[in-house]
Amino acid sequence: MGHMISIILPTVRPHLYRRAFDSIAAACGTVRYEVILVADFGPEQLPNTTWIVRERRGPIDAIWVASLEASADYLFVFNDESVLEDGALASLYYHALMNPGRVLSPQSVPH
């Protein structure tokens, strides 16, 4: 599909993931995206989301399973304890287009 971001969101916290999920759309702005959510609970119907129910095998396994479902050229690994600022993923996306082959990472700012 290309020219979009696949956001990988592993979670084991039913009480937290929704806050993280709700920050994604504004973080992407006009950039197309999909969310691959891996959890040991659910599923819930969420827009642009593939929900994978899987027993807990650790975050690396959840990221691997989600990456197999991803259809975009760019992957962003997210977590259920974080919140994205408006435009954050759009900014990373445009930097990635200008810097092919580089691994980019956002800056974490504690609140």
C-alpha atoms as a PDB file:
ATOM      1  CA  MET A   1       0.000   0.000   0.000  1.00  0.00           C
ATOM      2  CA  GLY A   2       2.857   2.380   0.877  1.00  0.00           C
ATOM      3  CA  HIS A   3       2.940   6.078   1.674  1.00  0.00           C
ATOM      4  CA  MET A   4       1.449   5.631   5.089  1.00  0.00           C
ATOM      5  CA  ILE A   5       2.497   4.653   8.602  1.00  0.00           C
ATOM      6  CA  SER A   6       1.781   1.362  10.331  1.00  0.00           C
ATOM      7  CA  ILE A   7       1.582   2.029  14.059  1.00  0.00           C
ATOM      8  CA  ILE A   8       2.298  -1.008  16.203  1.00  0.00           C
ATOM      9  CA  LEU A   9       0.627  -0.806  19.602  1.00  0.00           C
ATOM     10  CA  PRO A  10       1.186  -3.774  21.933  1.00  0.00           C
ATOM     11  CA  THR A  11      -0.815  -3.568  25.157  1.00  0.00           C
ATOM     12  CA  VAL A  12      -1.597  -5.589  28.258  1.00  0.00           C
ATOM     13  CA  ARG A  13      -3.419  -2.757  29.993  1.00  0.00           C
ATOM     14  CA  PRO A  14      -7.126  -2.544  29.134  1.00  0.00           C
ATOM     15  CA  HIS A  15      -7.426   0.594  31.278  1.00  0.00           C
ATOM     16  CA  LEU A  16      -4.583   2.490  29.498  1.00  0.00           C
ATOM     17  CA  TYR A  17      -4.405   1.664  25.796  1.00  0.00           C
ATOM     18  CA  ARG A  18      -7.340   3.889  24.778  1.00  0.00           C
ATOM     19  CA  ARG A  19      -5.592   7.112  25.840  1.00  0.00           C
ATOM     20  CA  ALA A  20      -2.571   6.181  23.709  1.00  0.00           C
ATOM     21  CA  PHE A  21      -4.796   5.128  20.798  1.00  0.00           C
ATOM     22  CA  ASP A  22      -6.813   8.345  20.949  1.00  0.00           C
ATOM     23  CA  SER A  23      -3.658  10.440  20.413  1.00  0.00           C
ATOM     24  CA  ILE A  24      -2.748   8.744  17.108  1.00  0.00           C
ATOM     25  CA  ALA A  25      -5.088  10.503  14.655  1.00  0.00           C
ATOM     26  CA  ALA A  26      -3.978  14.017  15.639  1.00  0.00           C
ATOM     27  CA  ALA A  27      -0.339  12.874  15.648  1.00  0.00           C
ATOM     28  CA  CYS A  28      -0.701  11.708  12.023  1.00  0.00           C
ATOM     29  CA  GLY A  29      -2.502  14.801  10.749  1.00  0.00           C
ATOM     30  CA  THR A  30      -3.141  14.215   7.040  1.00  0.00           C
ATOM     31  CA  VAL A  31      -0.740  11.250   6.771  1.00  0.00           C
ATOM     32  CA  ARG A  32      -2.579   7.980   6.189  1.00  0.00           C
ATOM     33  CA  TYR A  33      -2.105   5.375   8.904  1.00  0.00           C
ATOM     34  CA  GLU A  34      -3.151   2.006  10.214  1.00  0.00           C
ATOM     35  CA  VAL A  35      -2.900   0.706  13.766  1.00  0.00           C
ATOM     36  CA  ILE A  36      -1.947  -2.877  14.521  1.00  0.00           C
ATOM     37  CA  LEU A  37      -2.971  -3.472  18.133  1.00  0.00           C
ATOM     38  CA  VAL A  38      -1.809  -6.657  19.883  1.00  0.00           C
ATOM     39  CA  ALA A  39      -3.500  -7.459  23.200  1.00  0.00           C
ATOM     40  CA  ASP A  40      -4.442 -10.343  25.423  1.00  0.00           C
ATOM     41  CA  PHE A  41      -7.973  -8.918  25.657  1.00  0.00           C
ATOM     42  CA  GLY A  42     -10.564  -7.536  23.264  1.00  0.00           C
ATOM     43  CA  PRO A  43     -11.129  -7.070  20.429  1.00  0.00           C
ATOM     44  CA  GLU A  44     -12.789  -3.689  20.112  1.00  0.00           C
ATOM     45  CA  GLN A  45     -13.909  -2.048  16.876  1.00  0.00           C
ATOM     46  CA  LEU A  46     -11.596   0.931  16.326  1.00  0.00           C
ATOM     47  CA  PRO A  47     -11.082   2.945  13.130  1.00  0.00           C
ATOM     48  CA  ASN A  48      -8.074   2.039  10.936  1.00  0.00           C
ATOM     49  CA  THR A  49      -7.211  -0.793  13.323  1.00  0.00           C
ATOM     50  CA  THR A  50      -6.364  -4.459  13.057  1.00  0.00           C
ATOM     51  CA  TRP A  51      -6.763  -6.030  16.486  1.00  0.00           C
ATOM     52  CA  ILE A  52      -4.770  -9.191  17.200  1.00  0.00           C
ATOM     53  CA  VAL A  53      -5.716 -11.137  20.336  1.00  0.00           C
ATOM     54  CA  ARG A  54      -2.695 -13.101  21.527  1.00  0.00           C
ATOM     55  CA  GLU A  55      -1.582 -14.517  24.862  1.00  0.00           C
ATOM     56  CA  ARG A  56       1.222 -12.610  26.557  1.00  0.00           C
ATOM     57  CA  ARG A  57       4.619 -13.549  25.191  1.00  0.00           C
ATOM     58  CA  GLY A  58       6.365 -10.247  25.782  1.00  0.00           C
ATOM     59  CA  PRO A  59       6.613  -6.985  23.844  1.00  0.00           C
ATOM     60  CA  ILE A  60       9.133  -8.233  21.256  1.00  0.00           C
ATOM     61  CA  ASP A  61       6.809 -11.064  20.236  1.00  0.00           C
ATOM     62  CA  ALA A  62       3.853  -8.642  20.043  1.00  0.00           C
ATOM     63  CA  ILE A  63       5.868  -6.241  17.866  1.00  0.00           C
ATOM     64  CA  TRP A  64       6.963  -9.096  15.593  1.00  0.00           C
ATOM     65  CA  VAL A  65       3.408 -10.408  15.169  1.00  0.00           C
ATOM     66  CA  ALA A  66       2.125  -6.899  14.433  1.00  0.00           C
ATOM     67  CA  SER A  67       4.902  -6.220  11.911  1.00  0.00           C
ATOM     68  CA  LEU A  68       3.769  -9.250   9.903  1.00  0.00           C
ATOM     69  CA  GLU A  69       0.330  -7.618   9.510  1.00  0.00           C
ATOM     70  CA  ALA A  70       1.641  -4.136   8.700  1.00  0.00           C
ATOM     71  CA  SER A  71       1.099  -2.919   5.152  1.00  0.00           C
ATOM     72  CA  ALA A  72       2.856   0.468   5.177  1.00  0.00           C
ATOM     73  CA  ASP A  73       6.389   1.432   4.188  1.00  0.00           C
ATOM     74  CA  TYR A  74       7.012   2.959   7.620  1.00  0.00           C
ATOM     75  CA  LEU A  75       6.595   1.349  11.036  1.00  0.00           C
ATOM     76  CA  PHE A  76       6.200   3.194  14.316  1.00  0.00           C
ATOM     77  CA  VAL A  77       6.364   1.188  17.530  1.00  0.00           C
ATOM     78  CA  PHE A  78       4.211   2.778  20.204  1.00  0.00           C
ATOM     79  CA  ASN A  79       3.205   1.748  23.727  1.00  0.00           C
ATOM     80  CA  ASP A  80       0.123   2.009  25.860  1.00  0.00           C
ATOM     81  CA  GLU A  81       1.744   4.254  28.475  1.00  0.00           C
ATOM     82  CA  SER A  82       2.551   7.074  26.037  1.00  0.00           C
ATOM     83  CA  VAL A  83       0.648   9.864  24.346  1.00  0.00           C
ATOM     84  CA  LEU A  84       1.660  11.488  21.053  1.00  0.00           C
ATOM     85  CA  GLU A  85       1.670  15.242  20.501  1.00  0.00           C
ATOM     86  CA  ASP A  86      -0.364  16.648  17.615  1.00  0.00           C
ATOM     87  CA  GLY A  87       1.622  16.333  14.381  1.00  0.00           C
ATOM     88  CA  ALA A  88       4.360  14.143  15.912  1.00  0.00           C
ATOM     89  CA  LEU A  89       3.968  11.214  13.504  1.00  0.00           C
ATOM     90  CA  ALA A  90       3.457  13.487  10.508  1.00  0.00           C
ATOM     91  CA  SER A  91       6.768  15.171  11.359  1.00  0.00           C
ATOM     92  CA  LEU A  92       8.568  11.816  11.631  1.00  0.00           C
ATOM     93  CA  TYR A  93       6.970  10.675   8.385  1.00  0.00           C
ATOM     94  CA  TYR A  94       8.163  13.721   6.414  1.00  0.00           C
ATOM     95  CA  HIS A  95      11.643  13.463   7.937  1.00  0.00           C
ATOM     96  CA  ALA A  96      11.736   9.799   6.888  1.00  0.00           C
ATOM     97  CA  LEU A  97      10.835  10.748   3.312  1.00  0.00           C
ATOM     98  CA  MET A  98      13.740  13.227   3.263  1.00  0.00           C
ATOM     99  CA  ASN A  99      16.183  10.784   4.927  1.00  0.00           C
ATOM    100  CA  PRO A 100      15.675   7.358   3.329  1.00  0.00           C
ATOM    101  CA  GLY A 101      17.317   4.441   5.086  1.00  0.00           C
ATOM    102  CA  ARG A 102      17.606   6.163   8.471  1.00  0.00           C
ATOM    103  CA  VAL A 103      16.043   5.016  11.704  1.00  0.00           C
ATOM    104  CA  LEU A 104      14.195   7.940  13.281  1.00  0.00           C
ATOM    105  CA  SER A 105      12.980   8.213  16.838  1.00  0.00           C
ATOM    106  CA  PRO A 106      10.829  10.797  18.597  1.00  0.00           C
ATOM    107  CA  GLN A 107      12.015  12.565  21.717  1.00  0.00           C
ATOM    108  CA  SER A 108      10.339  11.415  24.907  1.00  0.00           C
ATOM    109  CA  VAL A 109       9.279  14.266  27.145  1.00  0.00           C
ATOM    110  CA  PRO A 110       8.015  13.323  30.620  1.00  0.00           C
ATOM    111  CA  HIS A 111       5.031  15.305  31.896  1.00  0.00           C
END
